[in-house]
Amino acid sequence: MVTHEDVLKIANLAKLSVAPEELDGLTKDMNEIIAFADTVSAASADVSDFDNINGLSNVFREDVPVPSYRREDILKNAESSEDGYFLVRRRR
């Protein structure tokens, strides 16, 4: 269990100032955080129920190549182009 002295020691190490009226709240919060960490630590890692909670097997579509647009069609709206490439201004 975290005490007021522990919170003050941690605050001192972190170079933080803690007002006396914040001490109770911080102590309570630290104890809750440590209790949560203990709960997570105690959880069994052997259960594989969380591997696939939606029951999906392969939700990815097949990767099928499709023809691209013609280069001229792509470049017709370009501000400037040269040798089939977009020309862009250099940023300073």
C-alpha atoms as a PDB file:
ATOM      1  CA  MET A   1       0.000   0.000   0.000  1.00  0.00           C
ATOM      2  CA  VAL A   2       1.301   3.440  -0.980  1.00  0.00           C
ATOM      3  CA  THR A   3       1.510   5.964   1.830  1.00  0.00           C
ATOM      4  CA  HIS A   4       1.682   9.750   1.872  1.00  0.00           C
ATOM      5  CA  GLU A   5       5.406   9.484   2.511  1.00  0.00           C
ATOM      6  CA  ASP A   6       5.830   7.280  -0.584  1.00  0.00           C
ATOM      7  CA  VAL A   7       4.006   9.821  -2.749  1.00  0.00           C
ATOM      8  CA  LEU A   8       6.144  12.642  -1.372  1.00  0.00           C
ATOM      9  CA  LYS A   9       9.321  10.624  -1.975  1.00  0.00           C
ATOM     10  CA  ILE A  10       8.305   9.858  -5.589  1.00  0.00           C
ATOM     11  CA  ALA A  11       7.370  13.507  -6.148  1.00  0.00           C
ATOM     12  CA  ASN A  12      10.737  14.592  -4.788  1.00  0.00           C
ATOM     13  CA  LEU A  13      12.566  12.179  -7.106  1.00  0.00           C
ATOM     14  CA  ALA A  14      10.546  13.509 -10.047  1.00  0.00           C
ATOM     15  CA  LYS A  15      11.232  17.073  -8.901  1.00  0.00           C
ATOM     16  CA  LEU A  16       7.521  17.787  -8.537  1.00  0.00           C
ATOM     17  CA  SER A  17       5.845  19.753  -5.818  1.00  0.00           C
ATOM     18  CA  VAL A  18       2.744  18.284  -4.202  1.00  0.00           C
ATOM     19  CA  ALA A  19       0.343  20.485  -2.291  1.00  0.00           C
ATOM     20  CA  PRO A  20      -0.915  19.015   0.997  1.00  0.00           C
ATOM     21  CA  GLU A  21      -4.518  19.042  -0.277  1.00  0.00           C
ATOM     22  CA  GLU A  22      -3.490  16.891  -3.280  1.00  0.00           C
ATOM     23  CA  LEU A  23      -1.781  14.251  -1.168  1.00  0.00           C
ATOM     24  CA  ASP A  24      -4.880  12.187  -0.320  1.00  0.00           C
ATOM     25  CA  GLY A  25      -6.045  12.064  -3.946  1.00  0.00           C
ATOM     26  CA  LEU A  26      -2.623  11.154  -5.299  1.00  0.00           C
ATOM     27  CA  THR A  27      -2.183   8.416  -2.701  1.00  0.00           C
ATOM     28  CA  LYS A  28      -5.591   6.958  -3.600  1.00  0.00           C
ATOM     29  CA  ASP A  29      -4.804   7.136  -7.341  1.00  0.00           C
ATOM     30  CA  MET A  30      -1.419   5.445  -6.890  1.00  0.00           C
ATOM     31  CA  ASN A  31      -3.001   2.620  -4.910  1.00  0.00           C
ATOM     32  CA  GLU A  32      -5.642   2.128  -7.621  1.00  0.00           C
ATOM     33  CA  ILE A  33      -2.981   2.053 -10.340  1.00  0.00           C
ATOM     34  CA  ILE A  34      -0.952  -0.529  -8.448  1.00  0.00           C
ATOM     35  CA  ALA A  35      -4.085  -2.619  -7.790  1.00  0.00           C
ATOM     36  CA  PHE A  36      -4.888  -2.551 -11.512  1.00  0.00           C
ATOM     37  CA  ALA A  37      -1.322  -3.571 -12.389  1.00  0.00           C
ATOM     38  CA  ASP A  38      -1.619  -6.470  -9.920  1.00  0.00           C
ATOM     39  CA  THR A  39      -4.877  -7.552 -11.577  1.00  0.00           C
ATOM     40  CA  VAL A  40      -3.296  -7.483 -15.036  1.00  0.00           C
ATOM     41  CA  SER A  41      -0.244  -9.310 -13.737  1.00  0.00           C
ATOM     42  CA  ALA A  42      -2.408 -12.049 -12.224  1.00  0.00           C
ATOM     43  CA  ALA A  43      -4.336 -12.664 -15.457  1.00  0.00           C
ATOM     44  CA  SER A  44      -3.611 -15.973 -17.133  1.00  0.00           C
ATOM     45  CA  ALA A  45      -1.818 -15.739 -20.449  1.00  0.00           C
ATOM     46  CA  ASP A  46      -2.720 -19.325 -21.371  1.00  0.00           C
ATOM     47  CA  VAL A  47      -6.253 -18.479 -22.472  1.00  0.00           C
ATOM     48  CA  SER A  48      -6.456 -18.068 -26.230  1.00  0.00           C
ATOM     49  CA  ASP A  49     -10.037 -16.733 -26.306  1.00  0.00           C
ATOM     50  CA  PHE A  50      -8.770 -13.259 -27.134  1.00  0.00           C
ATOM     51  CA  ASP A  51      -6.874 -14.310 -30.243  1.00  0.00           C
ATOM     52  CA  ASN A  52      -9.913 -14.043 -32.485  1.00  0.00           C
ATOM     53  CA  ILE A  53     -12.842 -12.539 -30.626  1.00  0.00           C
ATOM     54  CA  ASN A  54     -14.936 -11.967 -33.762  1.00  0.00           C
ATOM     55  CA  GLY A  55     -14.519 -15.434 -35.241  1.00  0.00           C
ATOM     56  CA  LEU A  56     -13.123 -14.062 -38.504  1.00  0.00           C
ATOM     57  CA  SER A  57     -10.767 -16.185 -40.551  1.00  0.00           C
ATOM     58  CA  ASN A  58      -9.452 -14.008 -43.394  1.00  0.00           C
ATOM     59  CA  VAL A  59     -11.036 -10.620 -43.834  1.00  0.00           C
ATOM     60  CA  PHE A  60      -8.595  -9.340 -46.437  1.00  0.00           C
ATOM     61  CA  ARG A  61      -9.633  -9.133 -50.040  1.00  0.00           C
ATOM     62  CA  GLU A  62      -7.662 -10.877 -52.729  1.00  0.00           C
ATOM     63  CA  ASP A  63      -4.893  -8.652 -54.074  1.00  0.00           C
ATOM     64  CA  VAL A  64      -5.706  -8.356 -57.763  1.00  0.00           C
ATOM     65  CA  PRO A  65      -3.644  -6.082 -60.011  1.00  0.00           C
ATOM     66  CA  VAL A  66      -5.684  -3.659 -62.102  1.00  0.00           C
ATOM     67  CA  PRO A  67      -4.551  -1.537 -65.014  1.00  0.00           C
ATOM     68  CA  SER A  68      -3.416   1.971 -64.163  1.00  0.00           C
ATOM     69  CA  TYR A  69      -4.496   5.193 -65.829  1.00  0.00           C
ATOM     70  CA  ARG A  70      -2.510   6.375 -68.815  1.00  0.00           C
ATOM     71  CA  ARG A  71       0.383   8.662 -67.875  1.00  0.00           C
ATOM     72  CA  GLU A  72      -0.946  11.420 -70.137  1.00  0.00           C
ATOM     73  CA  ASP A  73      -4.311  11.355 -68.344  1.00  0.00           C
ATOM     74  CA  ILE A  74      -2.632  11.634 -64.975  1.00  0.00           C
ATOM     75  CA  LEU A  75      -0.358  14.504 -66.002  1.00  0.00           C
ATOM     76  CA  LYS A  76      -2.938  16.550 -67.928  1.00  0.00           C
ATOM     77  CA  ASN A  77      -3.995  18.405 -64.740  1.00  0.00           C
ATOM     78  CA  ALA A  78      -0.456  18.914 -63.455  1.00  0.00           C
ATOM     79  CA  GLU A  79       0.734  22.487 -63.050  1.00  0.00           C
ATOM     80  CA  SER A  80       4.001  21.503 -64.692  1.00  0.00           C
ATOM     81  CA  SER A  81       5.534  18.245 -65.870  1.00  0.00           C
ATOM     82  CA  GLU A  82       8.600  17.109 -67.729  1.00  0.00           C
ATOM     83  CA  ASP A  83       9.501  13.765 -69.329  1.00  0.00           C
ATOM     84  CA  GLY A  84       6.402  12.119 -67.850  1.00  0.00           C
ATOM     85  CA  TYR A  85       6.998  13.298 -64.261  1.00  0.00           C
ATOM     86  CA  PHE A  86       5.470  15.959 -62.041  1.00  0.00           C
ATOM     87  CA  LEU A  87       7.636  19.018 -61.527  1.00  0.00           C
ATOM     88  CA  VAL A  88       7.412  20.512 -58.066  1.00  0.00           C
ATOM     89  CA  ARG A  89       8.905  23.674 -56.643  1.00  0.00           C
ATOM     90  CA  ARG A  90      11.749  23.302 -54.208  1.00  0.00           C
ATOM     91  CA  ARG A  91      10.833  24.415 -50.703  1.00  0.00           C
ATOM     92  CA  ARG A  92      13.255  26.627 -48.851  1.00  0.00           C
END
